[in-house]
Amino acid sequence: MILVNTDYVSGHELETLGLVKGSTIRSKNIFGDIGQSFKTLVGGELQAYTSMMNEARALATKRMVAEAEALGADGIVNVRYASSAVMDRAAEVIAYGTAVKFKTA
């Protein structure tokens, strides 16, 4: 499966299959939140949240790819990521793009 953030895949003519997406909502446990709250007092990277968001993006991508595979896709173009707070201390991450099949000559 090829994933790109462009609207083409070099060397391939594409047939559009449709929009695919994957998402997850994640939060840290209360102890992680407390530890990160102290970190905001002195500044610096909030590593526990960085890790959480990286894991969320990976899971959202995996779910998007599974949806594309179910359509018989060879790739996903125009891949994008978005995140938003859905409640206090919880964030949704969504990955989305257009599933495509490579045309054969």
PDB file of N, CA and C in Angstrom:
ATOM      1  N   MET A   1       0.860  -1.180   0.000  1.00  0.00           N
ATOM      2  CA  MET A   1       0.000   0.000   0.000  1.00  0.00           C
ATOM      3  C   MET A   1       0.901   1.235   0.000  1.00  0.00           C
ATOM      4  N   ILE A   2       0.680   2.097  -0.970  1.00  0.00           N
ATOM      5  CA  ILE A   2       1.439   3.346  -1.065  1.00  0.00           C
ATOM      6  C   ILE A   2       0.590   4.471  -0.483  1.00  0.00           C
ATOM      7  N   LEU A   3       1.180   5.251   0.413  1.00  0.00           N
ATOM      8  CA  LEU A   3       0.507   6.409   1.000  1.00  0.00           C
ATOM      9  C   LEU A   3       1.291   7.654   0.620  1.00  0.00           C
ATOM     10  N   VAL A   4       0.616   8.626   0.022  1.00  0.00           N
ATOM     11  CA  VAL A   4       1.267   9.883  -0.339  1.00  0.00           C
ATOM     12  C   VAL A   4       0.361  11.055   0.008  1.00  0.00           C
ATOM     13  N   ASN A   5       0.968  12.223   0.201  1.00  0.00           N
ATOM     14  CA  ASN A   5       0.160  13.411   0.479  1.00  0.00           C
ATOM     15  C   ASN A   5       0.003  14.276  -0.772  1.00  0.00           C
ATOM     16  N   THR A   6       0.287  13.696  -1.931  1.00  0.00           N
ATOM     17  CA  THR A   6       0.067  14.357  -3.211  1.00  0.00           C
ATOM     18  C   THR A   6      -1.176  13.756  -3.864  1.00  0.00           C
ATOM     19  N   ASP A   7      -1.631  14.354  -4.967  1.00  0.00           N
ATOM     20  CA  ASP A   7      -2.808  13.811  -5.644  1.00  0.00           C
ATOM     21  C   ASP A   7      -2.433  12.865  -6.784  1.00  0.00           C
ATOM     22  N   TYR A   8      -1.186  12.398  -6.786  1.00  0.00           N
ATOM     23  CA  TYR A   8      -0.722  11.459  -7.809  1.00  0.00           C
ATOM     24  C   TYR A   8       0.318  10.527  -7.201  1.00  0.00           C
ATOM     25  N   VAL A   9       0.566   9.432  -7.905  1.00  0.00           N
ATOM     26  CA  VAL A   9       1.661   8.524  -7.576  1.00  0.00           C
ATOM     27  C   VAL A   9       2.507   8.437  -8.837  1.00  0.00           C
ATOM     28  N   SER A  10       3.747   8.854  -8.762  1.00  0.00           N
ATOM     29  CA  SER A  10       4.616   8.900  -9.935  1.00  0.00           C
ATOM     30  C   SER A  10       4.614   7.563 -10.675  1.00  0.00           C
ATOM     31  N   GLY A  11       4.446   7.660 -11.994  1.00  0.00           N
ATOM     32  CA  GLY A  11       4.505   6.480 -12.843  1.00  0.00           C
ATOM     33  C   GLY A  11       3.232   5.660 -12.904  1.00  0.00           C
ATOM     34  N   HIS A  12       2.162   6.153 -12.267  1.00  0.00           N
ATOM     35  CA  HIS A  12       0.904   5.393 -12.252  1.00  0.00           C
ATOM     36  C   HIS A  12      -0.259   6.268 -12.675  1.00  0.00           C
ATOM     37  N   GLU A  13      -1.137   5.689 -13.482  1.00  0.00           N
ATOM     38  CA  GLU A  13      -2.418   6.318 -13.776  1.00  0.00           C
ATOM     39  C   GLU A  13      -3.389   5.762 -12.737  1.00  0.00           C
ATOM     40  N   LEU A  14      -4.225   6.633 -12.166  1.00  0.00           N
ATOM     41  CA  LEU A  14      -5.042   6.238 -11.025  1.00  0.00           C
ATOM     42  C   LEU A  14      -6.524   6.183 -11.326  1.00  0.00           C
ATOM     43  N   GLU A  15      -7.180   5.219 -10.706  1.00  0.00           N
ATOM     44  CA  GLU A  15      -8.640   5.125 -10.700  1.00  0.00           C
ATOM     45  C   GLU A  15      -9.080   5.394  -9.261  1.00  0.00           C
ATOM     46  N   THR A  16      -9.927   6.380  -9.080  1.00  0.00           N
ATOM     47  CA  THR A  16     -10.386   6.752  -7.742  1.00  0.00           C
ATOM     48  C   THR A  16     -11.427   5.765  -7.234  1.00  0.00           C
ATOM     49  N   LEU A  17     -11.221   5.282  -6.006  1.00  0.00           N
ATOM     50  CA  LEU A  17     -12.174   4.360  -5.384  1.00  0.00           C
ATOM     51  C   LEU A  17     -13.053   5.056  -4.354  1.00  0.00           C
ATOM     52  N   GLY A  18     -12.539   6.096  -3.720  1.00  0.00           N
ATOM     53  CA  GLY A  18     -13.344   6.825  -2.747  1.00  0.00           C
ATOM     54  C   GLY A  18     -12.568   7.233  -1.516  1.00  0.00           C
ATOM     55  N   LEU A  19     -13.241   7.985  -0.670  1.00  0.00           N
ATOM     56  CA  LEU A  19     -12.668   8.487   0.567  1.00  0.00           C
ATOM     57  C   LEU A  19     -12.507   7.345   1.565  1.00  0.00           C
ATOM     58  N   VAL A  20     -11.365   7.317   2.238  1.00  0.00           N
ATOM     59  CA  VAL A  20     -11.138   6.371   3.331  1.00  0.00           C
ATOM     60  C   VAL A  20     -10.631   7.152   4.532  1.00  0.00           C
ATOM     61  N   LYS A  21     -10.933   6.629   5.718  1.00  0.00           N
ATOM     62  CA  LYS A  21     -10.489   7.308   6.926  1.00  0.00           C
ATOM     63  C   LYS A  21     -10.320   6.306   8.054  1.00  0.00           C
ATOM     64  N   GLY A  22      -9.581   6.734   9.042  1.00  0.00           N
ATOM     65  CA  GLY A  22      -9.418   5.958  10.258  1.00  0.00           C
ATOM     66  C   GLY A  22      -9.264   6.951  11.394  1.00  0.00           C
ATOM     67  N   SER A  23      -9.776   6.597  12.562  1.00  0.00           N
ATOM     68  CA  SER A  23      -9.666   7.532  13.677  1.00  0.00           C
ATOM     69  C   SER A  23      -9.555   6.789  14.995  1.00  0.00           C
ATOM     70  N   THR A  24      -9.157   7.521  16.004  1.00  0.00           N
ATOM     71  CA  THR A  24      -9.107   7.021  17.371  1.00  0.00           C
ATOM     72  C   THR A  24      -9.220   8.201  18.320  1.00  0.00           C
ATOM     73  N   ILE A  25      -9.737   7.950  19.493  1.00  0.00           N
ATOM     74  CA  ILE A  25      -9.791   8.961  20.548  1.00  0.00           C
ATOM     75  C   ILE A  25      -8.951   8.435  21.698  1.00  0.00           C
ATOM     76  N   ARG A  26      -8.010   9.254  22.141  1.00  0.00           N
ATOM     77  CA  ARG A  26      -7.068   8.816  23.169  1.00  0.00           C
ATOM     78  C   ARG A  26      -7.027   9.798  24.325  1.00  0.00           C
ATOM     79  N   SER A  27      -6.651   9.278  25.496  1.00  0.00           N
ATOM     80  CA  SER A  27      -6.401  10.127  26.658  1.00  0.00           C
ATOM     81  C   SER A  27      -5.306   9.478  27.489  1.00  0.00           C
ATOM     82  N   LYS A  28      -4.703  10.256  28.346  1.00  0.00           N
ATOM     83  CA  LYS A  28      -3.703   9.733  29.282  1.00  0.00           C
ATOM     84  C   LYS A  28      -4.412   9.400  30.579  1.00  0.00           C
ATOM     85  N   ASN A  29      -3.808   8.506  31.358  1.00  0.00           N
ATOM     86  CA  ASN A  29      -4.397   8.217  32.663  1.00  0.00           C
ATOM     87  C   ASN A  29      -4.147   9.405  33.602  1.00  0.00           C
ATOM     88  N   ILE A  30      -4.818   9.418  34.703  1.00  0.00           N
ATOM     89  CA  ILE A  30      -4.752  10.562  35.628  1.00  0.00           C
ATOM     90  C   ILE A  30      -3.324  10.810  36.103  1.00  0.00           C
ATOM     91  N   PHE A  31      -2.539   9.748  36.319  1.00  0.00           N
ATOM     92  CA  PHE A  31      -1.170   9.928  36.790  1.00  0.00           C
ATOM     93  C   PHE A  31      -0.297  10.572  35.705  1.00  0.00           C
ATOM     94  N   GLY A  32      -0.533  10.179  34.456  1.00  0.00           N
ATOM     95  CA  GLY A  32       0.187  10.807  33.349  1.00  0.00           C
ATOM     96  C   GLY A  32      -0.172  12.275  33.212  1.00  0.00           C
ATOM     97  N   ASP A  33      -1.458  12.588  33.391  1.00  0.00           N
ATOM     98  CA  ASP A  33      -1.905  13.981  33.316  1.00  0.00           C
ATOM     99  C   ASP A  33      -1.260  14.824  34.410  1.00  0.00           C
ATOM    100  N   ILE A  34      -1.205  14.279  35.622  1.00  0.00           N
ATOM    101  CA  ILE A  34      -0.614  15.033  36.733  1.00  0.00           C
ATOM    102  C   ILE A  34       0.867  15.285  36.467  1.00  0.00           C
ATOM    103  N   GLY A  35       1.573  14.267  36.021  1.00  0.00           N
ATOM    104  CA  GLY A  35       3.001  14.416  35.723  1.00  0.00           C
ATOM    105  C   GLY A  35       3.249  15.443  34.635  1.00  0.00           C
ATOM    106  N   GLN A  36       2.421  15.414  33.607  1.00  0.00           N
ATOM    107  CA  GLN A  36       2.581  16.366  32.517  1.00  0.00           C
ATOM    108  C   GLN A  36       2.202  17.779  32.953  1.00  0.00           C
ATOM    109  N   SER A  37       1.254  17.900  33.880  1.00  0.00           N
ATOM    110  CA  SER A  37       0.880  19.214  34.396  1.00  0.00           C
ATOM    111  C   SER A  37       2.063  19.885  35.085  1.00  0.00           C
ATOM    112  N   PHE A  38       2.835  19.116  35.854  1.00  0.00           N
ATOM    113  CA  PHE A  38       4.023  19.675  36.495  1.00  0.00           C
ATOM    114  C   PHE A  38       5.040  20.117  35.447  1.00  0.00           C
ATOM    115  N   LYS A  39       5.143  19.374  34.362  1.00  0.00           N
ATOM    116  CA  LYS A  39       6.103  19.696  33.304  1.00  0.00           C
ATOM    117  C   LYS A  39       5.777  21.053  32.674  1.00  0.00           C
ATOM    118  N   THR A  40       4.507  21.414  32.628  1.00  0.00           N
ATOM    119  CA  THR A  40       4.138  22.705  32.030  1.00  0.00           C
ATOM    120  C   THR A  40       4.640  23.881  32.853  1.00  0.00           C
ATOM    121  N   LEU A  41       4.938  23.645  34.118  1.00  0.00           N
ATOM    122  CA  LEU A  41       5.446  24.721  34.979  1.00  0.00           C
ATOM    123  C   LEU A  41       6.876  25.116  34.612  1.00  0.00           C
ATOM    124  N   VAL A  42       7.671  24.144  34.163  1.00  0.00           N
ATOM    125  CA  VAL A  42       9.077  24.419  33.850  1.00  0.00           C
ATOM    126  C   VAL A  42       9.348  24.487  32.352  1.00  0.00           C
ATOM    127  N   GLY A  43       8.392  24.062  31.548  1.00  0.00           N
ATOM    128  CA  GLY A  43       8.552  24.116  30.101  1.00  0.00           C
ATOM    129  C   GLY A  43       9.212  22.865  29.547  1.00  0.00           C
ATOM    130  N   GLY A  44       9.216  22.764  28.246  1.00  0.00           N
ATOM    131  CA  GLY A  44       9.824  21.624  27.574  1.00  0.00           C
ATOM    132  C   GLY A  44       8.773  20.727  26.941  1.00  0.00           C
ATOM    133  N   GLU A  45       9.262  19.699  26.278  1.00  0.00           N
ATOM    134  CA  GLU A  45       8.378  18.773  25.572  1.00  0.00           C
ATOM    135  C   GLU A  45       7.611  17.904  26.566  1.00  0.00           C
ATOM    136  N   LEU A  46       6.347  17.726  26.281  1.00  0.00           N
ATOM    137  CA  LEU A  46       5.506  16.826  27.077  1.00  0.00           C
ATOM    138  C   LEU A  46       5.577  15.448  26.415  1.00  0.00           C
ATOM    139  N   GLN A  47       6.614  14.704  26.749  1.00  0.00           N
ATOM    140  CA  GLN A  47       6.925  13.462  26.046  1.00  0.00           C
ATOM    141  C   GLN A  47       5.816  12.432  26.113  1.00  0.00           C
ATOM    142  N   ALA A  48       5.106  12.342  27.226  1.00  0.00           N
ATOM    143  CA  ALA A  48       4.015  11.368  27.329  1.00  0.00           C
ATOM    144  C   ALA A  48       2.919  11.689  26.318  1.00  0.00           C
ATOM    145  N   TYR A  49       2.643  12.978  26.108  1.00  0.00           N
ATOM    146  CA  TYR A  49       1.626  13.359  25.134  1.00  0.00           C
ATOM    147  C   TYR A  49       2.136  13.205  23.707  1.00  0.00           C
ATOM    148  N   THR A  50       3.405  13.488  23.487  1.00  0.00           N
ATOM    149  CA  THR A  50       3.987  13.260  22.161  1.00  0.00           C
ATOM    150  C   THR A  50       3.864  11.793  21.783  1.00  0.00           C
ATOM    151  N   SER A  51       4.201  10.929  22.720  1.00  0.00           N
ATOM    152  CA  SER A  51       4.099   9.489  22.502  1.00  0.00           C
ATOM    153  C   SER A  51       2.648   9.079  22.241  1.00  0.00           C
ATOM    154  N   MET A  52       1.731   9.609  23.041  1.00  0.00           N
ATOM    155  CA  MET A  52       0.319   9.281  22.869  1.00  0.00           C
ATOM    156  C   MET A  52      -0.169   9.687  21.478  1.00  0.00           C
ATOM    157  N   MET A  53       0.202  10.877  21.028  1.00  0.00           N
ATOM    158  CA  MET A  53      -0.256  11.348  19.720  1.00  0.00           C
ATOM    159  C   MET A  53       0.383  10.554  18.586  1.00  0.00           C
ATOM    160  N   ASN A  54       1.657  10.158  18.732  1.00  0.00           N
ATOM    161  CA  ASN A  54       2.297   9.314  17.725  1.00  0.00           C
ATOM    162  C   ASN A  54       1.589   7.970  17.613  1.00  0.00           C
ATOM    163  N   GLU A  55       1.246   7.384  18.756  1.00  0.00           N
ATOM    164  CA  GLU A  55       0.515   6.115  18.761  1.00  0.00           C
ATOM    165  C   GLU A  55      -0.865   6.285  18.132  1.00  0.00           C
ATOM    166  N   ALA A  56      -1.522   7.399  18.424  1.00  0.00           N
ATOM    167  CA  ALA A  56      -2.847   7.659  17.858  1.00  0.00           C
ATOM    168  C   ALA A  56      -2.775   7.817  16.343  1.00  0.00           C
ATOM    169  N   ARG A  57      -1.778   8.535  15.841  1.00  0.00           N
ATOM    170  CA  ARG A  57      -1.629   8.686  14.386  1.00  0.00           C
ATOM    171  C   ARG A  57      -1.370   7.335  13.730  1.00  0.00           C
ATOM    172  N   ALA A  58      -0.538   6.517  14.360  1.00  0.00           N
ATOM    173  CA  ALA A  58      -0.228   5.189  13.799  1.00  0.00           C
ATOM    174  C   ALA A  58      -1.493   4.325  13.738  1.00  0.00           C
ATOM    175  N   LEU A  59      -2.300   4.349  14.788  1.00  0.00           N
ATOM    176  CA  LEU A  59      -3.528   3.557  14.805  1.00  0.00           C
ATOM    177  C   LEU A  59      -4.534   4.081  13.789  1.00  0.00           C
ATOM    178  N   ALA A  60      -4.685   5.399  13.695  1.00  0.00           N
ATOM    179  CA  ALA A  60      -5.601   5.986  12.715  1.00  0.00           C
ATOM    180  C   ALA A  60      -5.166   5.622  11.294  1.00  0.00           C
ATOM    181  N   THR A  61      -3.852   5.649  11.040  1.00  0.00           N
ATOM    182  CA  THR A  61      -3.331   5.274   9.722  1.00  0.00           C
ATOM    183  C   THR A  61      -3.632   3.813   9.424  1.00  0.00           C
ATOM    184  N   LYS A  62      -3.398   2.948  10.402  1.00  0.00           N
ATOM    185  CA  LYS A  62      -3.663   1.512  10.233  1.00  0.00           C
ATOM    186  C   LYS A  62      -5.136   1.271   9.886  1.00  0.00           C
ATOM    187  N   ARG A  63      -6.031   1.968  10.546  1.00  0.00           N
ATOM    188  CA  ARG A  63      -7.459   1.811  10.272  1.00  0.00           C
ATOM    189  C   ARG A  63      -7.837   2.349   8.900  1.00  0.00           C
ATOM    190  N   MET A  64      -7.214   3.458   8.488  1.00  0.00           N
ATOM    191  CA  MET A  64      -7.464   4.009   7.158  1.00  0.00           C
ATOM    192  C   MET A  64      -6.998   3.020   6.091  1.00  0.00           C
ATOM    193  N   VAL A  65      -5.805   2.450   6.272  1.00  0.00           N
ATOM    194  CA  VAL A  65      -5.265   1.485   5.313  1.00  0.00           C
ATOM    195  C   VAL A  65      -6.178   0.257   5.224  1.00  0.00           C
ATOM    196  N   ALA A  66      -6.673  -0.220   6.358  1.00  0.00           N
ATOM    197  CA  ALA A  66      -7.576  -1.378   6.354  1.00  0.00           C
ATOM    198  C   ALA A  66      -8.837  -1.082   5.550  1.00  0.00           C
ATOM    199  N   GLU A  67      -9.356   0.124   5.681  1.00  0.00           N
ATOM    200  CA  GLU A  67     -10.549   0.514   4.917  1.00  0.00           C
ATOM    201  C   GLU A  67     -10.235   0.536   3.425  1.00  0.00           C
ATOM    202  N   ALA A  68      -9.055   1.046   3.062  1.00  0.00           N
ATOM    203  CA  ALA A  68      -8.646   1.080   1.651  1.00  0.00           C
ATOM    204  C   ALA A  68      -8.434  -0.331   1.104  1.00  0.00           C
ATOM    205  N   GLU A  69      -7.816  -1.199   1.888  1.00  0.00           N
ATOM    206  CA  GLU A  69      -7.598  -2.584   1.454  1.00  0.00           C
ATOM    207  C   GLU A  69      -8.922  -3.290   1.204  1.00  0.00           C
ATOM    208  N   ALA A  70      -9.932  -2.999   2.019  1.00  0.00           N
ATOM    209  CA  ALA A  70     -11.252  -3.602   1.839  1.00  0.00           C
ATOM    210  C   ALA A  70     -11.879  -3.191   0.503  1.00  0.00           C
ATOM    211  N   LEU A  71     -11.466  -2.030  -0.012  1.00  0.00           N
ATOM    212  CA  LEU A  71     -11.947  -1.564  -1.324  1.00  0.00           C
ATOM    213  C   LEU A  71     -11.098  -2.104  -2.472  1.00  0.00           C
ATOM    214  N   GLY A  72     -10.009  -2.800  -2.147  1.00  0.00           N
ATOM    215  CA  GLY A  72      -9.103  -3.308  -3.175  1.00  0.00           C
ATOM    216  C   GLY A  72      -8.112  -2.274  -3.666  1.00  0.00           C
ATOM    217  N   ALA A  73      -7.828  -1.264  -2.852  1.00  0.00           N
ATOM    218  CA  ALA A  73      -6.939  -0.168  -3.253  1.00  0.00           C
ATOM    219  C   ALA A  73      -5.483  -0.608  -3.310  1.00  0.00           C
ATOM    220  N   ASP A  74      -4.746   0.065  -4.184  1.00  0.00           N
ATOM    221  CA  ASP A  74      -3.297  -0.096  -4.261  1.00  0.00           C
ATOM    222  C   ASP A  74      -2.577   1.004  -3.488  1.00  0.00           C
ATOM    223  N   GLY A  75      -3.282   2.100  -3.247  1.00  0.00           N
ATOM    224  CA  GLY A  75      -2.663   3.228  -2.555  1.00  0.00           C
ATOM    225  C   GLY A  75      -3.700   4.212  -2.054  1.00  0.00           C
ATOM    226  N   ILE A  76      -3.207   5.197  -1.318  1.00  0.00           N
ATOM    227  CA  ILE A  76      -4.048   6.291  -0.828  1.00  0.00           C
ATOM    228  C   ILE A  76      -3.324   7.588  -1.139  1.00  0.00           C
ATOM    229  N   VAL A  77      -4.008   8.481  -1.844  1.00  0.00           N
ATOM    230  CA  VAL A  77      -3.427   9.784  -2.179  1.00  0.00           C
ATOM    231  C   VAL A  77      -4.090  10.858  -1.323  1.00  0.00           C
ATOM    232  N   ASN A  78      -3.445  12.020  -1.300  1.00  0.00           N
ATOM    233  CA  ASN A  78      -3.939  13.162  -0.518  1.00  0.00           C
ATOM    234  C   ASN A  78      -4.147  12.804   0.955  1.00  0.00           C
ATOM    235  N   VAL A  79      -3.213  12.055   1.528  1.00  0.00           N
ATOM    236  CA  VAL A  79      -3.323  11.654   2.931  1.00  0.00           C
ATOM    237  C   VAL A  79      -3.167  12.893   3.816  1.00  0.00           C
ATOM    238  N   ARG A  80      -4.086  13.024   4.750  1.00  0.00           N
ATOM    239  CA  ARG A  80      -4.076  14.141   5.689  1.00  0.00           C
ATOM    240  C   ARG A  80      -4.358  13.626   7.091  1.00  0.00           C
ATOM    241  N   TYR A  81      -3.909  14.400   8.067  1.00  0.00           N
ATOM    242  CA  TYR A  81      -4.167  14.101   9.474  1.00  0.00           C
ATOM    243  C   TYR A  81      -4.773  15.332  10.126  1.00  0.00           C
ATOM    244  N   ALA A  82      -5.665  15.094  11.062  1.00  0.00           N
ATOM    245  CA  ALA A  82      -6.249  16.192  11.841  1.00  0.00           C
ATOM    246  C   ALA A  82      -6.448  15.687  13.266  1.00  0.00           C
ATOM    247  N   SER A  83      -6.441  16.612  14.194  1.00  0.00           N
ATOM    248  CA  SER A  83      -6.722  16.246  15.581  1.00  0.00           C
ATOM    249  C   SER A  83      -7.566  17.334  16.210  1.00  0.00           C
ATOM    250  N   SER A  84      -8.326  16.923  17.199  1.00  0.00           N
ATOM    251  CA  SER A  84      -9.146  17.896  17.922  1.00  0.00           C
ATOM    252  C   SER A  84      -9.458  17.349  19.305  1.00  0.00           C
ATOM    253  N   ALA A  85      -9.682  18.258  20.227  1.00  0.00           N
ATOM    254  CA  ALA A  85     -10.088  17.868  21.571  1.00  0.00           C
ATOM    255  C   ALA A  85     -11.575  17.522  21.521  1.00  0.00           C
ATOM    256  N   VAL A  86     -11.926  16.370  22.068  1.00  0.00           N
ATOM    257  CA  VAL A  86     -13.332  15.984  22.086  1.00  0.00           C
ATOM    258  C   VAL A  86     -13.938  16.140  23.473  1.00  0.00           C
ATOM    259  N   MET A  87     -13.071  16.220  24.473  1.00  0.00           N
ATOM    260  CA  MET A  87     -13.468  16.502  25.839  1.00  0.00           C
ATOM    261  C   MET A  87     -12.195  16.834  26.604  1.00  0.00           C
ATOM    262  N   ASP A  88     -12.327  17.244  27.835  1.00  0.00           N
ATOM    263  CA  ASP A  88     -11.150  17.583  28.622  1.00  0.00           C
ATOM    264  C   ASP A  88     -10.209  16.388  28.688  1.00  0.00           C
ATOM    265  N   ARG A  89      -8.960  16.587  28.281  1.00  0.00           N
ATOM    266  CA  ARG A  89      -7.897  15.580  28.343  1.00  0.00           C
ATOM    267  C   ARG A  89      -8.099  14.392  27.405  1.00  0.00           C
ATOM    268  N   ALA A  90      -8.867  14.559  26.339  1.00  0.00           N
ATOM    269  CA  ALA A  90      -9.029  13.502  25.335  1.00  0.00           C
ATOM    270  C   ALA A  90      -8.994  14.140  23.958  1.00  0.00           C
ATOM    271  N   ALA A  91      -8.281  13.491  23.048  1.00  0.00           N
ATOM    272  CA  ALA A  91      -8.136  14.034  21.694  1.00  0.00           C
ATOM    273  C   ALA A  91      -8.461  12.968  20.664  1.00  0.00           C
ATOM    274  N   GLU A  92      -9.102  13.399  19.591  1.00  0.00           N
ATOM    275  CA  GLU A  92      -9.334  12.523  18.443  1.00  0.00           C
ATOM    276  C   GLU A  92      -8.269  12.808  17.400  1.00  0.00           C
ATOM    277  N   VAL A  93      -7.754  11.760  16.800  1.00  0.00           N
ATOM    278  CA  VAL A  93      -6.864  11.881  15.656  1.00  0.00           C
ATOM    279  C   VAL A  93      -7.540  11.149  14.509  1.00  0.00           C
ATOM    280  N   ILE A  94      -7.610  11.799  13.353  1.00  0.00           N
ATOM    281  CA  ILE A  94      -8.188  11.181  12.166  1.00  0.00           C
ATOM    282  C   ILE A  94      -7.181  11.253  11.026  1.00  0.00           C
ATOM    283  N   ALA A  95      -7.091  10.170  10.299  1.00  0.00           N
ATOM    284  CA  ALA A  95      -6.288  10.111   9.072  1.00  0.00           C
ATOM    285  C   ALA A  95      -7.280   9.881   7.937  1.00  0.00           C
ATOM    286  N   TYR A  96      -7.110  10.611   6.841  1.00  0.00           N
ATOM    287  CA  TYR A  96      -8.039  10.424   5.727  1.00  0.00           C
ATOM    288  C   TYR A  96      -7.330  10.684   4.396  1.00  0.00           C
ATOM    289  N   GLY A  97      -7.899  10.141   3.350  1.00  0.00           N
ATOM    290  CA  GLY A  97      -7.345  10.318   2.016  1.00  0.00           C
ATOM    291  C   GLY A  97      -8.258   9.661   0.994  1.00  0.00           C
ATOM    292  N   THR A  98      -7.775   9.591  -0.228  1.00  0.00           N
ATOM    293  CA  THR A  98      -8.548   9.008  -1.324  1.00  0.00           C
ATOM    294  C   THR A  98      -7.903   7.687  -1.730  1.00  0.00           C
ATOM    295  N   ALA A  99      -8.679   6.613  -1.630  1.00  0.00           N
ATOM    296  CA  ALA A  99      -8.205   5.290  -2.050  1.00  0.00           C
ATOM    297  C   ALA A  99      -8.164   5.243  -3.569  1.00  0.00           C
ATOM    298  N   VAL A 100      -7.085   4.667  -4.102  1.00  0.00           N
ATOM    299  CA  VAL A 100      -6.936   4.571  -5.554  1.00  0.00           C
ATOM    300  C   VAL A 100      -6.465   3.179  -5.950  1.00  0.00           C
ATOM    301  N   LYS A 101      -6.785   2.840  -7.181  1.00  0.00           N
ATOM    302  CA  LYS A 101      -6.303   1.608  -7.798  1.00  0.00           C
ATOM    303  C   LYS A 101      -5.438   2.032  -8.971  1.00  0.00           C
ATOM    304  N   PHE A 102      -4.338   1.331  -9.188  1.00  0.00           N
ATOM    305  CA  PHE A 102      -3.460   1.638 -10.318  1.00  0.00           C
ATOM    306  C   PHE A 102      -4.057   1.039 -11.581  1.00  0.00           C
ATOM    307  N   LYS A 103      -4.209   1.874 -12.613  1.00  0.00           N
ATOM    308  CA  LYS A 103      -4.702   1.384 -13.898  1.00  0.00           C
ATOM    309  C   LYS A 103      -3.573   0.637 -14.601  1.00  0.00           C
ATOM    310  N   THR A 104      -3.943  -0.451 -15.255  1.00  0.00           N
ATOM    311  CA  THR A 104      -2.951  -1.204 -16.033  1.00  0.00           C
ATOM    312  C   THR A 104      -3.211  -0.958 -17.511  1.00  0.00           C
ATOM    313  N   ALA A 105      -2.125  -0.929 -18.253  1.00  0.00           N
ATOM    314  CA  ALA A 105      -2.247  -0.634 -19.695  1.00  0.00           C
ATOM    315  C   ALA A 105      -2.776  -1.801 -20.472  1.00  0.00           C
TER     316      ALA A 105
END
